[in-house]
Amino acid sequence: MVKLRLKRCGRKQRAIYRIVAIDVRSRREGRDLRKVGFYDPIQNQTYLNVPAIRYFLEKGAQPTGTVHDILRKAELFKERTS
């Protein structure tokens, strides 16, 4: 099963996160299938590769809770509910 989840990067006390598609059995810093965005909680910046995210969601990938909140703030689910 594939999940969309956060992968920690950056230095101590200054973390940024990559949003990656990764196998459930992999660890947090394990090998990812594809990088689909990044999230910087300190500067509150987000970059999303929307076509790649939609591709993985259509194939059945499940976002984690935090990634789901990030995608909802970006209004990615707005069109899917209609």
Protein backbone atom coordinates (compact mmCIF):
# COMPACT_ATOMS: atom_id res chain seq x y z
CA MET A 1 0.00 0.00 0.00
CA VAL A 2 1.22 3.48 -0.85
CA LYS A 3 0.83 6.50 1.43
CA LEU A 4 1.44 10.18 0.97
CA ARG A 5 3.40 11.24 4.02
CA LEU A 6 6.03 13.65 5.31
CA LYS A 7 9.77 12.98 5.12
CA ARG A 8 11.87 15.12 7.48
CA CYS A 9 14.75 17.16 6.07
CA GLY A 10 16.72 20.19 7.21
CA ARG A 11 18.83 20.73 10.28
CA LYS A 12 18.18 20.63 14.02
CA GLN A 13 15.44 22.98 15.19
CA ARG A 14 14.85 24.01 11.55
CA ALA A 15 13.00 21.12 9.99
CA ILE A 16 11.35 21.17 6.59
CA TYR A 17 9.40 18.27 5.19
CA ARG A 18 9.13 16.69 1.78
CA ILE A 19 5.76 15.26 0.85
CA VAL A 20 6.48 11.89 -0.70
CA ALA A 21 4.66 8.85 -2.02
CA ILE A 22 6.15 5.94 -0.09
CA ASP A 23 5.42 2.30 0.68
CA VAL A 24 3.78 1.81 4.07
CA ARG A 25 6.45 -0.65 5.18
CA SER A 26 9.27 1.87 4.68
CA ARG A 27 10.59 3.98 7.53
CA ARG A 28 10.20 7.76 7.60
CA GLU A 29 13.52 8.51 5.91
CA GLY A 30 13.34 5.42 3.71
CA ARG A 31 13.37 5.23 -0.06
CA ASP A 32 10.39 7.03 -1.56
CA LEU A 33 8.59 6.30 -4.81
CA ARG A 34 8.33 9.96 -5.80
CA LYS A 35 8.63 13.41 -4.26
CA VAL A 36 5.37 15.29 -4.75
CA GLY A 37 5.93 18.50 -2.79
CA PHE A 38 7.42 20.12 0.28
CA TYR A 39 6.17 21.85 3.41
CA ASP A 40 8.02 24.40 5.56
CA PRO A 41 6.11 24.85 8.84
CA ILE A 42 8.34 27.68 10.06
CA GLN A 43 7.78 29.99 7.08
CA ASN A 44 4.40 28.39 6.34
CA GLN A 45 5.29 27.66 2.70
CA THR A 46 3.95 24.77 0.68
CA TYR A 47 4.72 23.55 -2.81
CA LEU A 48 2.59 20.78 -4.30
CA ASN A 49 2.98 18.90 -7.57
CA VAL A 50 -0.77 18.63 -8.08
CA PRO A 51 -0.79 16.28 -11.13
CA ALA A 52 1.48 13.80 -9.32
CA ILE A 53 -0.62 13.96 -6.15
CA ARG A 54 -3.84 13.41 -8.08
CA TYR A 55 -2.23 10.44 -9.88
CA PHE A 56 -1.32 8.73 -6.61
CA LEU A 57 -4.72 9.48 -5.05
CA GLU A 58 -6.49 7.97 -8.08
CA LYS A 59 -4.32 4.85 -7.76
CA GLY A 60 -5.46 4.42 -4.16
CA ALA A 61 -2.73 6.10 -2.12
CA GLN A 62 -3.86 7.22 1.34
CA PRO A 63 -2.59 10.54 2.76
CA THR A 64 -1.63 10.68 6.42
CA GLY A 65 -3.53 13.05 8.69
CA THR A 66 -1.06 15.91 8.40
CA VAL A 67 -0.71 15.57 4.64
CA HIS A 68 -4.50 15.41 4.33
CA ASP A 69 -4.76 18.72 6.22
CA ILE A 70 -2.12 20.31 3.94
CA LEU A 71 -3.97 19.13 0.83
CA ARG A 72 -7.29 20.34 2.21
CA LYS A 73 -5.84 23.82 2.87
CA ALA A 74 -4.65 23.86 -0.75
CA GLU A 75 -8.26 23.02 -1.76
CA LEU A 76 -7.21 19.86 -3.56
CA PHE A 77 -10.26 17.96 -2.33
CA LYS A 78 -12.73 20.70 -3.25
CA GLU A 79 -13.25 19.40 -6.80
CA ARG A 80 -13.41 15.73 -5.78
CA THR A 81 -16.43 16.17 -3.50
CA SER A 82 -18.59 17.78 -6.22
